Amino acid sequence: MSTTQQDLTTAVRMFHALSDETRVALVQRLRTGERCVCELMDQLDAAQSRLSFHLKVLREAGIVDCRREGRWAYYWLRPDAFDDLAEAVKLLGPTPGARTTANARCCD
């Protein structure tokens, strides 16, 4: 798999993870640092099983990481994931010198 294909696969996984309102809400709450899943449950008024699913998607996309302490799990954002996401967005943008108008002769 080429680097470009790997970048695309990573971007798709991250965009998918961020395409859900609950997952975006989780990311927003993790911006200030590590949180226990019990705090996230209270803040989002959501069941543990529902949050576990969404946190798993975010973890598999490389956006969050976690650690266990006793029966609780603590989650935080991975800063490098947002560097990767910014690079993915940049790769999807127009290339320098890209045409901004359609070629008028293409449909003659």
N, C-alpha and C. Protein backbone atom coordinates (compact mmCIF):
# COMPACT_ATOMS: atom_id res chain seq x y z
N MET A 1 0.85 -1.17 0.00
CA MET A 1 0.00 0.00 0.00
C MET A 1 0.90 1.24 0.00
N SER A 2 0.64 2.17 -0.89
CA SER A 2 1.45 3.38 -0.98
C SER A 2 1.16 4.29 0.21
N THR A 3 2.08 5.21 0.43
CA THR A 3 1.89 6.17 1.53
C THR A 3 0.60 6.94 1.32
N THR A 4 0.32 7.32 0.09
CA THR A 4 -0.91 8.05 -0.20
C THR A 4 -2.13 7.21 0.15
N GLN A 5 -2.12 5.93 -0.18
CA GLN A 5 -3.24 5.05 0.16
C GLN A 5 -3.37 4.89 1.66
N GLN A 6 -2.25 4.77 2.36
CA GLN A 6 -2.28 4.69 3.82
C GLN A 6 -2.86 5.97 4.41
N ASP A 7 -2.43 7.12 3.87
CA ASP A 7 -2.97 8.40 4.34
C ASP A 7 -4.47 8.47 4.11
N LEU A 8 -4.92 8.00 2.96
CA LEU A 8 -6.34 8.02 2.64
C LEU A 8 -7.12 7.10 3.59
N THR A 9 -6.59 5.92 3.84
CA THR A 9 -7.24 4.98 4.75
C THR A 9 -7.35 5.58 6.15
N THR A 10 -6.28 6.21 6.62
CA THR A 10 -6.28 6.86 7.92
C THR A 10 -7.30 7.99 7.95
N ALA A 11 -7.33 8.80 6.89
CA ALA A 11 -8.28 9.92 6.83
C ALA A 11 -9.72 9.41 6.86
N VAL A 12 -10.03 8.37 6.11
CA VAL A 12 -11.39 7.83 6.09
C VAL A 12 -11.78 7.35 7.48
N ARG A 13 -10.89 6.65 8.15
CA ARG A 13 -11.18 6.14 9.49
C ARG A 13 -11.43 7.30 10.47
N MET A 14 -10.62 8.35 10.36
CA MET A 14 -10.77 9.48 11.27
C MET A 14 -12.04 10.28 10.95
N PHE A 15 -12.31 10.52 9.67
CA PHE A 15 -13.53 11.25 9.31
C PHE A 15 -14.76 10.47 9.73
N HIS A 16 -14.73 9.16 9.57
CA HIS A 16 -15.86 8.34 10.01
C HIS A 16 -16.06 8.49 11.53
N ALA A 17 -14.96 8.41 12.27
CA ALA A 17 -15.05 8.51 13.72
C ALA A 17 -15.62 9.86 14.14
N LEU A 18 -15.34 10.90 13.39
CA LEU A 18 -15.81 12.24 13.75
C LEU A 18 -17.14 12.61 13.08
N SER A 19 -17.76 11.64 12.42
CA SER A 19 -19.01 11.93 11.71
C SER A 19 -20.25 11.74 12.59
N ASP A 20 -20.05 11.42 13.85
CA ASP A 20 -21.17 11.17 14.75
C ASP A 20 -21.20 12.25 15.84
N GLU A 21 -22.38 12.76 16.12
CA GLU A 21 -22.56 13.83 17.09
C GLU A 21 -22.06 13.45 18.49
N THR A 22 -22.31 12.22 18.90
CA THR A 22 -21.87 11.78 20.23
C THR A 22 -20.34 11.74 20.30
N ARG A 23 -19.72 11.25 19.23
CA ARG A 23 -18.26 11.16 19.23
C ARG A 23 -17.62 12.55 19.22
N VAL A 24 -18.22 13.48 18.49
CA VAL A 24 -17.71 14.86 18.51
C VAL A 24 -17.87 15.45 19.91
N ALA A 25 -18.98 15.17 20.56
CA ALA A 25 -19.20 15.65 21.93
C ALA A 25 -18.15 15.07 22.88
N LEU A 26 -17.80 13.81 22.68
CA LEU A 26 -16.75 13.20 23.50
C LEU A 26 -15.41 13.90 23.28
N VAL A 27 -15.08 14.16 22.03
CA VAL A 27 -13.83 14.84 21.71
C VAL A 27 -13.82 16.23 22.36
N GLN A 28 -14.92 16.93 22.28
CA GLN A 28 -14.99 18.26 22.91
C GLN A 28 -14.73 18.18 24.41
N ARG A 29 -15.27 17.18 25.05
CA ARG A 29 -15.09 17.06 26.50
C ARG A 29 -13.69 16.61 26.88
N LEU A 30 -12.99 15.99 25.97
CA LEU A 30 -11.63 15.53 26.24
C LEU A 30 -10.57 16.58 25.90
N ARG A 31 -10.99 17.69 25.33
CA ARG A 31 -10.04 18.74 24.93
C ARG A 31 -9.22 19.26 26.10
N THR A 32 -9.80 19.28 27.29
CA THR A 32 -9.11 19.85 28.45
C THR A 32 -8.29 18.83 29.22
N GLY A 33 -8.30 17.59 28.77
CA GLY A 33 -7.48 16.58 29.42
C GLY A 33 -8.22 15.28 29.69
N GLU A 34 -7.53 14.38 30.35
CA GLU A 34 -8.02 13.04 30.63
C GLU A 34 -9.32 13.08 31.44
N ARG A 35 -10.23 12.18 31.09
CA ARG A 35 -11.51 12.06 31.81
C ARG A 35 -11.82 10.59 32.05
N CYS A 36 -12.41 10.35 33.21
CA CYS A 36 -12.90 9.01 33.53
C CYS A 36 -14.19 8.79 32.75
N VAL A 37 -14.43 7.56 32.36
CA VAL A 37 -15.65 7.26 31.62
C VAL A 37 -16.89 7.60 32.46
N CYS A 38 -16.79 7.51 33.77
CA CYS A 38 -17.94 7.87 34.61
C CYS A 38 -18.27 9.36 34.49
N GLU A 39 -17.26 10.21 34.37
CA GLU A 39 -17.49 11.65 34.15
C GLU A 39 -18.17 11.88 32.81
N LEU A 40 -17.69 11.18 31.80
CA LEU A 40 -18.26 11.33 30.46
C LEU A 40 -19.71 10.86 30.42
N MET A 41 -20.01 9.79 31.16
CA MET A 41 -21.39 9.31 31.24
C MET A 41 -22.29 10.39 31.82
N ASP A 42 -21.84 11.01 32.90
CA ASP A 42 -22.63 12.06 33.55
C ASP A 42 -22.78 13.28 32.64
N GLN A 43 -21.68 13.70 32.03
CA GLN A 43 -21.70 14.90 31.19
C GLN A 43 -22.60 14.74 29.96
N LEU A 44 -22.60 13.54 29.40
CA LEU A 44 -23.39 13.30 28.19
C LEU A 44 -24.72 12.64 28.47
N ASP A 45 -24.97 12.34 29.74
CA ASP A 45 -26.20 11.65 30.13
C ASP A 45 -26.43 10.42 29.24
N ALA A 46 -25.41 9.57 29.19
CA ALA A 46 -25.44 8.41 28.31
C ALA A 46 -25.05 7.15 29.09
N ALA A 47 -25.56 6.04 28.65
CA ALA A 47 -25.24 4.75 29.27
C ALA A 47 -23.80 4.36 28.96
N GLN A 48 -23.22 3.60 29.86
CA GLN A 48 -21.83 3.16 29.71
C GLN A 48 -21.65 2.36 28.43
N SER A 49 -22.58 1.49 28.10
CA SER A 49 -22.43 0.65 26.90
C SER A 49 -22.42 1.50 25.63
N ARG A 50 -23.25 2.54 25.60
CA ARG A 50 -23.30 3.43 24.44
C ARG A 50 -21.98 4.18 24.30
N LEU A 51 -21.47 4.72 25.41
CA LEU A 51 -20.21 5.45 25.37
C LEU A 51 -19.05 4.53 25.03
N SER A 52 -19.07 3.32 25.53
CA SER A 52 -18.00 2.37 25.23
C SER A 52 -17.90 2.13 23.74
N PHE A 53 -19.03 1.98 23.07
CA PHE A 53 -19.02 1.79 21.62
C PHE A 53 -18.38 2.99 20.93
N HIS A 54 -18.82 4.20 21.28
CA HIS A 54 -18.30 5.40 20.62
C HIS A 54 -16.82 5.63 20.94
N LEU A 55 -16.43 5.36 22.17
CA LEU A 55 -15.02 5.51 22.54
C LEU A 55 -14.16 4.48 21.81
N LYS A 56 -14.70 3.30 21.59
CA LYS A 56 -13.97 2.27 20.83
C LYS A 56 -13.72 2.75 19.40
N VAL A 57 -14.72 3.35 18.77
CA VAL A 57 -14.56 3.87 17.41
C VAL A 57 -13.48 4.95 17.39
N LEU A 58 -13.52 5.86 18.35
CA LEU A 58 -12.50 6.91 18.43
C LEU A 58 -11.11 6.33 18.70
N ARG A 59 -11.04 5.32 19.54
CA ARG A 59 -9.76 4.68 19.85
C ARG A 59 -9.20 3.96 18.62
N GLU A 60 -10.06 3.23 17.90
CA GLU A 60 -9.61 2.52 16.70
C GLU A 60 -9.16 3.47 15.60
N ALA A 61 -9.72 4.67 15.60
CA ALA A 61 -9.31 5.69 14.61
C ALA A 61 -8.04 6.40 15.04
N GLY A 62 -7.57 6.12 16.26
CA GLY A 62 -6.35 6.74 16.75
C GLY A 62 -6.54 8.13 17.31
N ILE A 63 -7.78 8.52 17.56
CA ILE A 63 -8.07 9.87 18.05
C ILE A 63 -7.95 9.95 19.56
N VAL A 64 -8.33 8.90 20.27
CA VAL A 64 -8.20 8.87 21.73
C VAL A 64 -7.38 7.67 22.15
N ASP A 65 -6.90 7.75 23.35
CA ASP A 65 -6.22 6.61 23.97
C ASP A 65 -6.81 6.45 25.36
N CYS A 66 -6.52 5.33 26.00
CA CYS A 66 -7.09 5.11 27.32
C CYS A 66 -6.17 4.28 28.19
N ARG A 67 -6.49 4.32 29.46
CA ARG A 67 -5.80 3.47 30.44
C ARG A 67 -6.85 3.00 31.43
N ARG A 68 -6.61 1.85 32.02
CA ARG A 68 -7.53 1.31 33.02
C ARG A 68 -6.94 1.51 34.40
N GLU A 69 -7.82 1.84 35.32
CA GLU A 69 -7.44 1.95 36.72
C GLU A 69 -8.59 1.34 37.52
N GLY A 70 -8.36 0.14 38.02
CA GLY A 70 -9.44 -0.57 38.70
C GLY A 70 -10.55 -0.89 37.71
N ARG A 71 -11.77 -0.55 38.06
CA ARG A 71 -12.88 -0.86 37.16
C ARG A 71 -13.19 0.26 36.18
N TRP A 72 -12.45 1.38 36.27
CA TRP A 72 -12.73 2.54 35.42
C TRP A 72 -11.68 2.69 34.33
N ALA A 73 -12.11 3.27 33.24
CA ALA A 73 -11.20 3.60 32.14
C ALA A 73 -11.12 5.11 32.02
N TYR A 74 -9.92 5.59 31.74
CA TYR A 74 -9.67 7.02 31.57
C TYR A 74 -9.24 7.27 30.13
N TYR A 75 -9.81 8.29 29.53
CA TYR A 75 -9.58 8.59 28.12
C TYR A 75 -8.99 9.98 27.95
N TRP A 76 -8.19 10.14 26.90
CA TRP A 76 -7.62 11.43 26.54
C TRP A 76 -7.42 11.48 25.03
N LEU A 77 -7.29 12.70 24.51
CA LEU A 77 -7.04 12.89 23.08
C LEU A 77 -5.57 12.68 22.77
N ARG A 78 -5.31 12.12 21.61
CA ARG A 78 -3.94 11.95 21.11
C ARG A 78 -3.63 13.16 20.23
N PRO A 79 -2.77 14.08 20.67
CA PRO A 79 -2.49 15.29 19.90
C PRO A 79 -2.00 15.01 18.48
N ASP A 80 -1.18 13.97 18.31
CA ASP A 80 -0.66 13.67 16.98
C ASP A 80 -1.77 13.27 16.01
N ALA A 81 -2.89 12.77 16.53
CA ALA A 81 -4.01 12.41 15.65
C ALA A 81 -4.55 13.64 14.94
N PHE A 82 -4.53 14.78 15.62
CA PHE A 82 -5.04 16.00 15.02
C PHE A 82 -4.05 16.58 14.02
N ASP A 83 -2.77 16.31 14.20
CA ASP A 83 -1.78 16.65 13.17
C ASP A 83 -2.05 15.82 11.92
N ASP A 84 -2.32 14.52 12.12
CA ASP A 84 -2.63 13.63 10.99
C ASP A 84 -3.90 14.07 10.28
N LEU A 85 -4.89 14.47 11.06
CA LEU A 85 -6.16 14.91 10.48
C LEU A 85 -5.97 16.20 9.67
N ALA A 86 -5.19 17.13 10.20
CA ALA A 86 -4.92 18.37 9.47
C ALA A 86 -4.19 18.07 8.16
N GLU A 87 -3.26 17.12 8.20
CA GLU A 87 -2.54 16.74 6.99
C GLU A 87 -3.47 16.08 5.98
N ALA A 88 -4.39 15.26 6.47
CA ALA A 88 -5.37 14.61 5.58
C ALA A 88 -6.24 15.64 4.89
N VAL A 89 -6.68 16.64 5.63
CA VAL A 89 -7.51 17.70 5.04
C VAL A 89 -6.70 18.45 3.99
N LYS A 90 -5.45 18.71 4.30
CA LYS A 90 -4.57 19.41 3.36
C LYS A 90 -4.41 18.60 2.08
N LEU A 91 -4.25 17.29 2.21
CA LEU A 91 -4.07 16.42 1.03
C LEU A 91 -5.33 16.37 0.16
N LEU A 92 -6.50 16.63 0.76
CA LEU A 92 -7.75 16.60 0.01
C LEU A 92 -8.05 17.93 -0.70
N GLY A 93 -7.34 18.97 -0.32
CA GLY A 93 -7.57 20.28 -0.91
C GLY A 93 -7.01 20.36 -2.32
N PRO A 94 -7.35 21.46 -3.02
CA PRO A 94 -6.84 21.62 -4.38
C PRO A 94 -5.33 21.76 -4.38
N THR A 95 -4.71 21.26 -5.43
CA THR A 95 -3.27 21.38 -5.57
C THR A 95 -2.93 22.79 -6.02
N PRO A 96 -1.73 23.25 -5.72
CA PRO A 96 -1.33 24.58 -6.17
C PRO A 96 -1.49 24.69 -7.69
N GLY A 97 -2.08 25.76 -8.13
CA GLY A 97 -2.28 25.97 -9.56
C GLY A 97 -3.47 25.23 -10.15
N ALA A 98 -4.28 24.60 -9.28
CA ALA A 98 -5.45 23.88 -9.78
C ALA A 98 -6.41 24.86 -10.43
N ARG A 99 -7.05 24.40 -11.47
CA ARG A 99 -8.02 25.26 -12.17
C ARG A 99 -9.25 25.44 -11.31
N THR A 100 -9.79 26.64 -11.33
CA THR A 100 -10.99 26.91 -10.55
C THR A 100 -12.23 26.97 -11.43
N THR A 101 -12.05 26.87 -12.74
CA THR A 101 -13.20 26.86 -13.65
C THR A 101 -13.12 25.63 -14.52
N ALA A 102 -14.25 25.15 -14.94
CA ALA A 102 -14.31 23.97 -15.79
C ALA A 102 -13.77 24.29 -17.17
N ASN A 103 -13.19 23.31 -17.81
CA ASN A 103 -12.71 23.46 -19.17
C ASN A 103 -13.93 23.54 -20.08
N ALA A 104 -14.12 24.66 -20.73
CA ALA A 104 -15.31 24.89 -21.56
C ALA A 104 -15.41 23.90 -22.72
N ARG A 105 -14.30 23.34 -23.17
CA ARG A 105 -14.32 22.45 -24.32
C ARG A 105 -14.64 21.01 -23.96
N CYS A 106 -14.79 20.67 -22.70
CA CYS A 106 -14.95 19.26 -22.32
C CYS A 106 -16.30 18.69 -22.80
N CYS A 107 -17.29 19.50 -22.97
CA CYS A 107 -18.62 19.00 -23.30
C CYS A 107 -19.06 19.40 -24.71
N ASP A 108 -18.14 19.78 -25.55
CA ASP A 108 -18.51 20.17 -26.92
C ASP A 108 -19.01 19.00 -27.73
